Amino acid sequence: MSAQKVLIGVIAGVAAGALLGVLFAPDKGSVTRKKIMSKGHDIADGLKDKYEDLLANITEKFEAAKEEATAAFEKSKNHAKDFKKDHKAETV
């Protein structure tokens, strides 16, 4: 299983547990609704933070791969130029 699936499962489990805990608490309906909204906002904020971290991580890895690909292309291009020069010198 991927780490992302495990993380989603854990978050869903925490959310379900928090919701059930609040629903079975002996409070008035209005207090319970406020608690549910508060937990919902906390969970949404946590998911947003995780999403932003994931996006930043993916962007960072993409940029690193892009730089490596550019460097490899430039190296190949230089090797091709050198090969072409050497080949011209041999044919003259």
PDB file of N, CA and C in Angstrom:
ATOM      1  N   MET A   1       0.837  -1.182   0.000  1.00  0.00           N
ATOM      2  CA  MET A   1       0.000   0.000   0.000  1.00  0.00           C
ATOM      3  C   MET A   1       0.881   1.245   0.000  1.00  0.00           C
ATOM      4  N   SER A   2       0.455   2.264  -0.689  1.00  0.00           N
ATOM      5  CA  SER A   2       1.244   3.475  -0.729  1.00  0.00           C
ATOM      6  C   SER A   2       1.030   4.295   0.540  1.00  0.00           C
ATOM      7  N   ALA A   3       1.992   5.142   0.811  1.00  0.00           N
ATOM      8  CA  ALA A   3       1.923   5.975   2.005  1.00  0.00           C
ATOM      9  C   ALA A   3       0.731   6.924   1.927  1.00  0.00           C
ATOM     10  N   GLN A   4       0.400   7.358   0.725  1.00  0.00           N
ATOM     11  CA  GLN A   4      -0.727   8.272   0.559  1.00  0.00           C
ATOM     12  C   GLN A   4      -2.040   7.592   0.946  1.00  0.00           C
ATOM     13  N   LYS A   5      -2.215   6.329   0.563  1.00  0.00           N
ATOM     14  CA  LYS A   5      -3.436   5.605   0.915  1.00  0.00           C
ATOM     15  C   LYS A   5      -3.521   5.382   2.417  1.00  0.00           C
ATOM     16  N   VAL A   6      -2.396   5.089   3.032  1.00  0.00           N
ATOM     17  CA  VAL A   6      -2.370   4.900   4.483  1.00  0.00           C
ATOM     18  C   VAL A   6      -2.730   6.198   5.184  1.00  0.00           C
ATOM     19  N   LEU A   7      -2.146   7.308   4.706  1.00  0.00           N
ATOM     20  CA  LEU A   7      -2.436   8.611   5.296  1.00  0.00           C
ATOM     21  C   LEU A   7      -3.914   8.957   5.168  1.00  0.00           C
ATOM     22  N   ILE A   8      -4.493   8.710   4.016  1.00  0.00           N
ATOM     23  CA  ILE A   8      -5.918   8.987   3.808  1.00  0.00           C
ATOM     24  C   ILE A   8      -6.760   8.114   4.732  1.00  0.00           C
ATOM     25  N   GLY A   9      -6.377   6.843   4.873  1.00  0.00           N
ATOM     26  CA  GLY A   9      -7.097   5.940   5.772  1.00  0.00           C
ATOM     27  C   GLY A   9      -7.035   6.393   7.222  1.00  0.00           C
ATOM     28  N   VAL A  10      -5.852   6.837   7.642  1.00  0.00           N
ATOM     29  CA  VAL A  10      -5.697   7.319   9.023  1.00  0.00           C
ATOM     30  C   VAL A  10      -6.534   8.570   9.247  1.00  0.00           C
ATOM     31  N   ILE A  11      -6.482   9.491   8.305  1.00  0.00           N
ATOM     32  CA  ILE A  11      -7.257  10.731   8.440  1.00  0.00           C
ATOM     33  C   ILE A  11      -8.749  10.421   8.464  1.00  0.00           C
ATOM     34  N   ALA A  12      -9.200   9.518   7.600  1.00  0.00           N
ATOM     35  CA  ALA A  12     -10.616   9.151   7.587  1.00  0.00           C
ATOM     36  C   ALA A  12     -11.012   8.487   8.905  1.00  0.00           C
ATOM     37  N   GLY A  13     -10.148   7.648   9.447  1.00  0.00           N
ATOM     38  CA  GLY A  13     -10.422   7.009  10.728  1.00  0.00           C
ATOM     39  C   GLY A  13     -10.501   8.004  11.873  1.00  0.00           C
ATOM     40  N   VAL A  14      -9.586   8.960  11.874  1.00  0.00           N
ATOM     41  CA  VAL A  14      -9.610  10.000  12.909  1.00  0.00           C
ATOM     42  C   VAL A  14     -10.880  10.833  12.780  1.00  0.00           C
ATOM     43  N   ALA A  15     -11.236  11.180  11.557  1.00  0.00           N
ATOM     44  CA  ALA A  15     -12.442  11.985  11.340  1.00  0.00           C
ATOM     45  C   ALA A  15     -13.686  11.229  11.806  1.00  0.00           C
ATOM     46  N   ALA A  16     -13.775   9.954  11.449  1.00  0.00           N
ATOM     47  CA  ALA A  16     -14.938   9.154  11.858  1.00  0.00           C
ATOM     48  C   ALA A  16     -14.977   9.006  13.377  1.00  0.00           C
ATOM     49  N   GLY A  17     -13.843   8.773  14.000  1.00  0.00           N
ATOM     50  CA  GLY A  17     -13.791   8.649  15.456  1.00  0.00           C
ATOM     51  C   GLY A  17     -14.181   9.934  16.151  1.00  0.00           C
ATOM     52  N   ALA A  18     -13.686  11.055  15.638  1.00  0.00           N
ATOM     53  CA  ALA A  18     -14.032  12.347  16.240  1.00  0.00           C
ATOM     54  C   ALA A  18     -15.522  12.616  16.089  1.00  0.00           C
ATOM     55  N   LEU A  19     -16.059  12.318  14.917  1.00  0.00           N
ATOM     56  CA  LEU A  19     -17.483  12.548  14.677  1.00  0.00           C
ATOM     57  C   LEU A  19     -18.336  11.677  15.603  1.00  0.00           C
ATOM     58  N   LEU A  20     -17.989  10.423  15.722  1.00  0.00           N
ATOM     59  CA  LEU A  20     -18.756   9.532  16.604  1.00  0.00           C
ATOM     60  C   LEU A  20     -18.623   9.949  18.069  1.00  0.00           C
ATOM     61  N   GLY A  21     -17.438  10.363  18.461  1.00  0.00           N
ATOM     62  CA  GLY A  21     -17.238  10.823  19.832  1.00  0.00           C
ATOM     63  C   GLY A  21     -18.086  12.033  20.150  1.00  0.00           C
ATOM     64  N   VAL A  22     -18.176  12.946  19.208  1.00  0.00           N
ATOM     65  CA  VAL A  22     -18.982  14.154  19.419  1.00  0.00           C
ATOM     66  C   VAL A  22     -20.467  13.810  19.403  1.00  0.00           C
ATOM     67  N   LEU A  23     -20.878  12.930  18.501  1.00  0.00           N
ATOM     68  CA  LEU A  23     -22.293  12.578  18.399  1.00  0.00           C
ATOM     69  C   LEU A  23     -22.810  11.854  19.647  1.00  0.00           C
ATOM     70  N   PHE A  24     -21.970  11.069  20.273  1.00  0.00           N
ATOM     71  CA  PHE A  24     -22.408  10.332  21.450  1.00  0.00           C
ATOM     72  C   PHE A  24     -22.138  11.074  22.761  1.00  0.00           C
ATOM     73  N   ALA A  25     -21.619  12.269  22.682  1.00  0.00           N
ATOM     74  CA  ALA A  25     -21.369  13.065  23.883  1.00  0.00           C
ATOM     75  C   ALA A  25     -22.696  13.603  24.415  1.00  0.00           C
ATOM     76  N   PRO A  26     -22.813  13.715  25.739  1.00  0.00           N
ATOM     77  CA  PRO A  26     -24.074  14.174  26.337  1.00  0.00           C
ATOM     78  C   PRO A  26     -24.187  15.711  26.369  1.00  0.00           C
ATOM     79  N   ASP A  27     -24.167  16.335  25.227  1.00  0.00           N
ATOM     80  CA  ASP A  27     -24.302  17.793  25.143  1.00  0.00           C
ATOM     81  C   ASP A  27     -25.591  18.150  24.416  1.00  0.00           C
ATOM     82  N   LYS A  28     -25.943  19.428  24.530  1.00  0.00           N
ATOM     83  CA  LYS A  28     -27.091  19.933  23.784  1.00  0.00           C
ATOM     84  C   LYS A  28     -26.790  19.871  22.286  1.00  0.00           C
ATOM     85  N   GLY A  29     -27.817  19.857  21.481  1.00  0.00           N
ATOM     86  CA  GLY A  29     -27.667  19.786  20.031  1.00  0.00           C
ATOM     87  C   GLY A  29     -26.849  20.923  19.456  1.00  0.00           C
ATOM     88  N   SER A  30     -27.078  22.136  19.954  1.00  0.00           N
ATOM     89  CA  SER A  30     -26.339  23.284  19.416  1.00  0.00           C
ATOM     90  C   SER A  30     -24.853  23.176  19.741  1.00  0.00           C
ATOM     91  N   VAL A  31     -24.533  22.694  20.937  1.00  0.00           N
ATOM     92  CA  VAL A  31     -23.130  22.527  21.315  1.00  0.00           C
ATOM     93  C   VAL A  31     -22.492  21.435  20.471  1.00  0.00           C
ATOM     94  N   THR A  32     -23.224  20.351  20.265  1.00  0.00           N
ATOM     95  CA  THR A  32     -22.721  19.244  19.449  1.00  0.00           C
ATOM     96  C   THR A  32     -22.472  19.702  18.019  1.00  0.00           C
ATOM     97  N   ARG A  33     -23.393  20.476  17.462  1.00  0.00           N
ATOM     98  CA  ARG A  33     -23.219  20.983  16.096  1.00  0.00           C
ATOM     99  C   ARG A  33     -21.993  21.880  16.008  1.00  0.00           C
ATOM    100  N   LYS A  34     -21.777  22.712  17.023  1.00  0.00           N
ATOM    101  CA  LYS A  34     -20.593  23.581  17.024  1.00  0.00           C
ATOM    102  C   LYS A  34     -19.315  22.746  17.091  1.00  0.00           C
ATOM    103  N   LYS A  35     -19.348  21.686  17.893  1.00  0.00           N
ATOM    104  CA  LYS A  35     -18.179  20.814  17.989  1.00  0.00           C
ATOM    105  C   LYS A  35     -17.911  20.117  16.660  1.00  0.00           C
ATOM    106  N   ILE A  36     -18.972  19.665  16.005  1.00  0.00           N
ATOM    107  CA  ILE A  36     -18.821  19.003  14.707  1.00  0.00           C
ATOM    108  C   ILE A  36     -18.229  19.980  13.694  1.00  0.00           C
ATOM    109  N   MET A  37     -18.732  21.199  13.681  1.00  0.00           N
ATOM    110  CA  MET A  37     -18.208  22.204  12.744  1.00  0.00           C
ATOM    111  C   MET A  37     -16.745  22.501  13.044  1.00  0.00           C
ATOM    112  N   SER A  38     -16.419  22.608  14.318  1.00  0.00           N
ATOM    113  CA  SER A  38     -15.041  22.900  14.701  1.00  0.00           C
ATOM    114  C   SER A  38     -14.115  21.768  14.274  1.00  0.00           C
ATOM    115  N   LYS A  39     -14.509  20.522  14.535  1.00  0.00           N
ATOM    116  CA  LYS A  39     -13.703  19.369  14.132  1.00  0.00           C
ATOM    117  C   LYS A  39     -13.587  19.309  12.611  1.00  0.00           C
ATOM    118  N   GLY A  40     -14.690  19.610  11.934  1.00  0.00           N
ATOM    119  CA  GLY A  40     -14.672  19.610  10.468  1.00  0.00           C
ATOM    120  C   GLY A  40     -13.681  20.620   9.922  1.00  0.00           C
ATOM    121  N   HIS A  41     -13.672  21.810  10.514  1.00  0.00           N
ATOM    122  CA  HIS A  41     -12.728  22.843  10.072  1.00  0.00           C
ATOM    123  C   HIS A  41     -11.289  22.422  10.375  1.00  0.00           C
ATOM    124  N   ASP A  42     -11.075  21.812  11.545  1.00  0.00           N
ATOM    125  CA  ASP A  42      -9.730  21.351  11.898  1.00  0.00           C
ATOM    126  C   ASP A  42      -9.240  20.297  10.914  1.00  0.00           C
ATOM    127  N   ILE A  43     -10.107  19.360  10.592  1.00  0.00           N
ATOM    128  CA  ILE A  43      -9.739  18.299   9.653  1.00  0.00           C
ATOM    129  C   ILE A  43      -9.499  18.879   8.261  1.00  0.00           C
ATOM    130  N   ALA A  44     -10.360  19.808   7.848  1.00  0.00           N
ATOM    131  CA  ALA A  44     -10.189  20.431   6.528  1.00  0.00           C
ATOM    132  C   ALA A  44      -8.873  21.204   6.469  1.00  0.00           C
ATOM    133  N   ASP A  45      -8.545  21.902   7.546  1.00  0.00           N
ATOM    134  CA  ASP A  45      -7.277  22.640   7.578  1.00  0.00           C
ATOM    135  C   ASP A  45      -6.093  21.680   7.516  1.00  0.00           C
ATOM    136  N   GLY A  46      -6.201  20.578   8.244  1.00  0.00           N
ATOM    137  CA  GLY A  46      -5.139  19.578   8.216  1.00  0.00           C
ATOM    138  C   GLY A  46      -4.963  18.980   6.831  1.00  0.00           C
ATOM    139  N   LEU A  47      -6.074  18.673   6.166  1.00  0.00           N
ATOM    140  CA  LEU A  47      -5.997  18.134   4.808  1.00  0.00           C
ATOM    141  C   LEU A  47      -5.415  19.154   3.842  1.00  0.00           C
ATOM    142  N   LYS A  48      -5.791  20.406   4.021  1.00  0.00           N
ATOM    143  CA  LYS A  48      -5.266  21.464   3.159  1.00  0.00           C
ATOM    144  C   LYS A  48      -3.749  21.577   3.333  1.00  0.00           C
ATOM    145  N   ASP A  49      -3.294  21.528   4.593  1.00  0.00           N
ATOM    146  CA  ASP A  49      -1.857  21.591   4.849  1.00  0.00           C
ATOM    147  C   ASP A  49      -1.129  20.411   4.219  1.00  0.00           C
ATOM    148  N   LYS A  50      -1.689  19.211   4.358  1.00  0.00           N
ATOM    149  CA  LYS A  50      -1.074  18.016   3.772  1.00  0.00           C
ATOM    150  C   LYS A  50      -1.035  18.125   2.252  1.00  0.00           C
ATOM    151  N   TYR A  51      -2.114  18.648   1.663  1.00  0.00           N
ATOM    152  CA  TYR A  51      -2.171  18.820   0.212  1.00  0.00           C
ATOM    153  C   TYR A  51      -1.102  19.813  -0.245  1.00  0.00           C
ATOM    154  N   GLU A  52      -0.972  20.919   0.472  1.00  0.00           N
ATOM    155  CA  GLU A  52       0.032  21.922   0.106  1.00  0.00           C
ATOM    156  C   GLU A  52       1.442  21.361   0.237  1.00  0.00           C
ATOM    157  N   ASP A  53       1.688  20.563   1.288  1.00  0.00           N
ATOM    158  CA  ASP A  53       2.993  19.931   1.455  1.00  0.00           C
ATOM    159  C   ASP A  53       3.272  18.960   0.308  1.00  0.00           C
ATOM    160  N   LEU A  54       2.273  18.166  -0.042  1.00  0.00           N
ATOM    161  CA  LEU A  54       2.419  17.220  -1.138  1.00  0.00           C
ATOM    162  C   LEU A  54       2.696  17.949  -2.452  1.00  0.00           C
ATOM    163  N   LEU A  55       1.948  19.011  -2.700  1.00  0.00           N
ATOM    164  CA  LEU A  55       2.129  19.790  -3.926  1.00  0.00           C
ATOM    165  C   LEU A  55       3.524  20.410  -3.976  1.00  0.00           C
ATOM    166  N   ALA A  56       3.991  20.949  -2.849  1.00  0.00           N
ATOM    167  CA  ALA A  56       5.330  21.539  -2.795  1.00  0.00           C
ATOM    168  C   ALA A  56       6.396  20.469  -3.044  1.00  0.00           C
ATOM    169  N   ASN A  57       6.193  19.299  -2.465  1.00  0.00           N
ATOM    170  CA  ASN A  57       7.145  18.200  -2.644  1.00  0.00           C
ATOM    171  C   ASN A  57       7.197  17.753  -4.099  1.00  0.00           C
ATOM    172  N   ILE A  58       6.043  17.615  -4.715  1.00  0.00           N
ATOM    173  CA  ILE A  58       5.987  17.202  -6.120  1.00  0.00           C
ATOM    174  C   ILE A  58       6.626  18.265  -7.011  1.00  0.00           C
ATOM    175  N   THR A  59       6.343  19.532  -6.724  1.00  0.00           N
ATOM    176  CA  THR A  59       6.921  20.626  -7.512  1.00  0.00           C
ATOM    177  C   THR A  59       8.436  20.627  -7.391  1.00  0.00           C
ATOM    178  N   GLU A  60       8.916  20.427  -6.174  1.00  0.00           N
ATOM    179  CA  GLU A  60      10.365  20.397  -5.944  1.00  0.00           C
ATOM    180  C   GLU A  60      11.020  19.254  -6.716  1.00  0.00           C
ATOM    181  N   LYS A  61      10.408  18.085  -6.672  1.00  0.00           N
ATOM    182  CA  LYS A  61      10.961  16.938  -7.392  1.00  0.00           C
ATOM    183  C   LYS A  61      10.895  17.149  -8.899  1.00  0.00           C
ATOM    184  N   PHE A  62       9.815  17.759  -9.378  1.00  0.00           N
ATOM    185  CA  PHE A  62       9.691  18.042 -10.806  1.00  0.00           C
ATOM    186  C   PHE A  62      10.786  18.999 -11.259  1.00  0.00           C
ATOM    187  N   GLU A  63      11.020  20.057 -10.476  1.00  0.00           N
ATOM    188  CA  GLU A  63      12.049  21.031 -10.839  1.00  0.00           C
ATOM    189  C   GLU A  63      13.431  20.385 -10.846  1.00  0.00           C
ATOM    190  N   ALA A  64      13.700  19.523  -9.869  1.00  0.00           N
ATOM    191  CA  ALA A  64      14.995  18.829  -9.829  1.00  0.00           C
ATOM    192  C   ALA A  64      15.157  17.926 -11.046  1.00  0.00           C
ATOM    193  N   ALA A  65      14.101  17.207 -11.410  1.00  0.00           N
ATOM    194  CA  ALA A  65      14.153  16.336 -12.583  1.00  0.00           C
ATOM    195  C   ALA A  65      14.340  17.156 -13.857  1.00  0.00           C
ATOM    196  N   LYS A  66      13.676  18.290 -13.907  1.00  0.00           N
ATOM    197  CA  LYS A  66      13.793  19.176 -15.070  1.00  0.00           C
ATOM    198  C   LYS A  66      15.235  19.670 -15.218  1.00  0.00           C
ATOM    199  N   GLU A  67      15.849  20.060 -14.100  1.00  0.00           N
ATOM    200  CA  GLU A  67      17.240  20.521 -14.134  1.00  0.00           C
ATOM    201  C   GLU A  67      18.181  19.399 -14.565  1.00  0.00           C
ATOM    202  N   GLU A  68      17.952  18.191 -14.052  1.00  0.00           N
ATOM    203  CA  GLU A  68      18.781  17.053 -14.443  1.00  0.00           C
ATOM    204  C   GLU A  68      18.630  16.752 -15.932  1.00  0.00           C
ATOM    205  N   ALA A  69      17.407  16.812 -16.426  1.00  0.00           N
ATOM    206  CA  ALA A  69      17.166  16.543 -17.846  1.00  0.00           C
ATOM    207  C   ALA A  69      17.840  17.606 -18.715  1.00  0.00           C
ATOM    208  N   THR A  70      17.764  18.861 -18.289  1.00  0.00           N
ATOM    209  CA  THR A  70      18.405  19.941 -19.046  1.00  0.00           C
ATOM    210  C   THR A  70      19.915  19.746 -19.061  1.00  0.00           C
ATOM    211  N   ALA A  71      20.490  19.402 -17.910  1.00  0.00           N
ATOM    212  CA  ALA A  71      21.935  19.174 -17.835  1.00  0.00           C
ATOM    213  C   ALA A  71      22.345  17.994 -18.720  1.00  0.00           C
ATOM    214  N   ALA A  72      21.568  16.923 -18.690  1.00  0.00           N
ATOM    215  CA  ALA A  72      21.873  15.752 -19.514  1.00  0.00           C
ATOM    216  C   ALA A  72      21.774  16.102 -21.002  1.00  0.00           C
ATOM    217  N   PHE A  73      20.779  16.910 -21.362  1.00  0.00           N
ATOM    218  CA  PHE A  73      20.622  17.325 -22.760  1.00  0.00           C
ATOM    219  C   PHE A  73      21.820  18.157 -23.205  1.00  0.00           C
ATOM    220  N   GLU A  74      22.231  19.105 -22.365  1.00  0.00           N
ATOM    221  CA  GLU A  74      23.374  19.955 -22.713  1.00  0.00           C
ATOM    222  C   GLU A  74      24.648  19.120 -22.844  1.00  0.00           C
ATOM    223  N   LYS A  75      24.831  18.154 -21.949  1.00  0.00           N
ATOM    224  CA  LYS A  75      25.996  17.284 -22.005  1.00  0.00           C
ATOM    225  C   LYS A  75      25.991  16.469 -23.302  1.00  0.00           C
ATOM    226  N   SER A  76      24.828  15.940 -23.656  1.00  0.00           N
ATOM    227  CA  SER A  76      24.706  15.170 -24.898  1.00  0.00           C
ATOM    228  C   SER A  76      24.969  16.047 -26.112  1.00  0.00           C
ATOM    229  N   LYS A  77      24.454  17.255 -26.062  1.00  0.00           N
ATOM    230  CA  LYS A  77      24.653  18.186 -27.174  1.00  0.00           C
ATOM    231  C   LYS A  77      26.145  18.495 -27.344  1.00  0.00           C
ATOM    232  N   ASN A  78      26.840  18.702 -26.227  1.00  0.00           N
ATOM    233  CA  ASN A  78      28.276  18.976 -26.296  1.00  0.00           C
ATOM    234  C   ASN A  78      29.048  17.765 -26.813  1.00  0.00           C
ATOM    235  N   HIS A  79      28.648  16.577 -26.385  1.00  0.00           N
ATOM    236  CA  HIS A  79      29.299  15.365 -26.892  1.00  0.00           C
ATOM    237  C   HIS A  79      29.074  15.235 -28.395  1.00  0.00           C
ATOM    238  N   ALA A  80      27.902  15.551 -28.860  1.00  0.00           N
ATOM    239  CA  ALA A  80      27.603  15.470 -30.292  1.00  0.00           C
ATOM    240  C   ALA A  80      28.455  16.466 -31.065  1.00  0.00           C
ATOM    241  N   LYS A  81      28.604  17.675 -30.537  1.00  0.00           N
ATOM    242  CA  LYS A  81      29.450  18.681 -31.211  1.00  0.00           C
ATOM    243  C   LYS A  81      30.896  18.202 -31.271  1.00  0.00           C
ATOM    244  N   ASP A  82      31.387  17.658 -30.150  1.00  0.00           N
ATOM    245  CA  ASP A  82      32.770  17.159 -30.119  1.00  0.00           C
ATOM    246  C   ASP A  82      32.952  16.011 -31.109  1.00  0.00           C
ATOM    247  N   PHE A  83      31.979  15.121 -31.152  1.00  0.00           N
ATOM    248  CA  PHE A  83      32.041  13.999 -32.081  1.00  0.00           C
ATOM    249  C   PHE A  83      32.061  14.502 -33.519  1.00  0.00           C
ATOM    250  N   LYS A  84      31.225  15.484 -33.792  1.00  0.00           N
ATOM    251  CA  LYS A  84      31.151  16.040 -35.145  1.00  0.00           C
ATOM    252  C   LYS A  84      32.490  16.682 -35.528  1.00  0.00           C
ATOM    253  N   LYS A  85      33.094  17.432 -34.578  1.00  0.00           N
ATOM    254  CA  LYS A  85      34.402  18.052 -34.841  1.00  0.00           C
ATOM    255  C   LYS A  85      35.454  16.987 -35.117  1.00  0.00           C
ATOM    256  N   ASP A  86      35.490  15.963 -34.267  1.00  0.00           N
ATOM    257  CA  ASP A  86      36.474  14.900 -34.429  1.00  0.00           C
ATOM    258  C   ASP A  86      36.272  14.175 -35.762  1.00  0.00           C
ATOM    259  N   HIS A  87      35.030  13.953 -36.114  1.00  0.00           N
ATOM    260  CA  HIS A  87      34.728  13.247 -37.358  1.00  0.00           C
ATOM    261  C   HIS A  87      35.140  14.099 -38.568  1.00  0.00           C
ATOM    262  N   LYS A  88      34.909  15.420 -38.506  1.00  0.00           N
ATOM    263  CA  LYS A  88      35.314  16.304 -39.603  1.00  0.00           C
ATOM    264  C   LYS A  88      36.843  16.318 -39.737  1.00  0.00           C
ATOM    265  N   ALA A  89      37.530  16.340 -38.608  1.00  0.00           N
ATOM    266  CA  ALA A  89      38.990  16.379 -38.633  1.00  0.00           C
ATOM    267  C   ALA A  89      39.558  15.091 -39.251  1.00  0.00           C
ATOM    268  N   GLU A  90      38.910  13.966 -39.014  1.00  0.00           N
ATOM    269  CA  GLU A  90      39.386  12.686 -39.550  1.00  0.00           C
ATOM    270  C   GLU A  90      39.137  12.602 -41.048  1.00  0.00           C
ATOM    271  N   THR A  91      38.066  13.212 -41.539  1.00  0.00           N
ATOM    272  CA  THR A  91      37.738  13.101 -42.976  1.00  0.00           C
ATOM    273  C   THR A  91      38.516  14.081 -43.822  1.00  0.00           C
ATOM    274  N   VAL A  92      39.133  15.082 -43.211  1.00  0.00           N
ATOM    275  CA  VAL A  92      39.864  16.083 -43.991  1.00  0.00           C
ATOM    276  C   VAL A  92      41.220  15.609 -44.339  1.00  0.00           C
TER     277      VAL A  92
END
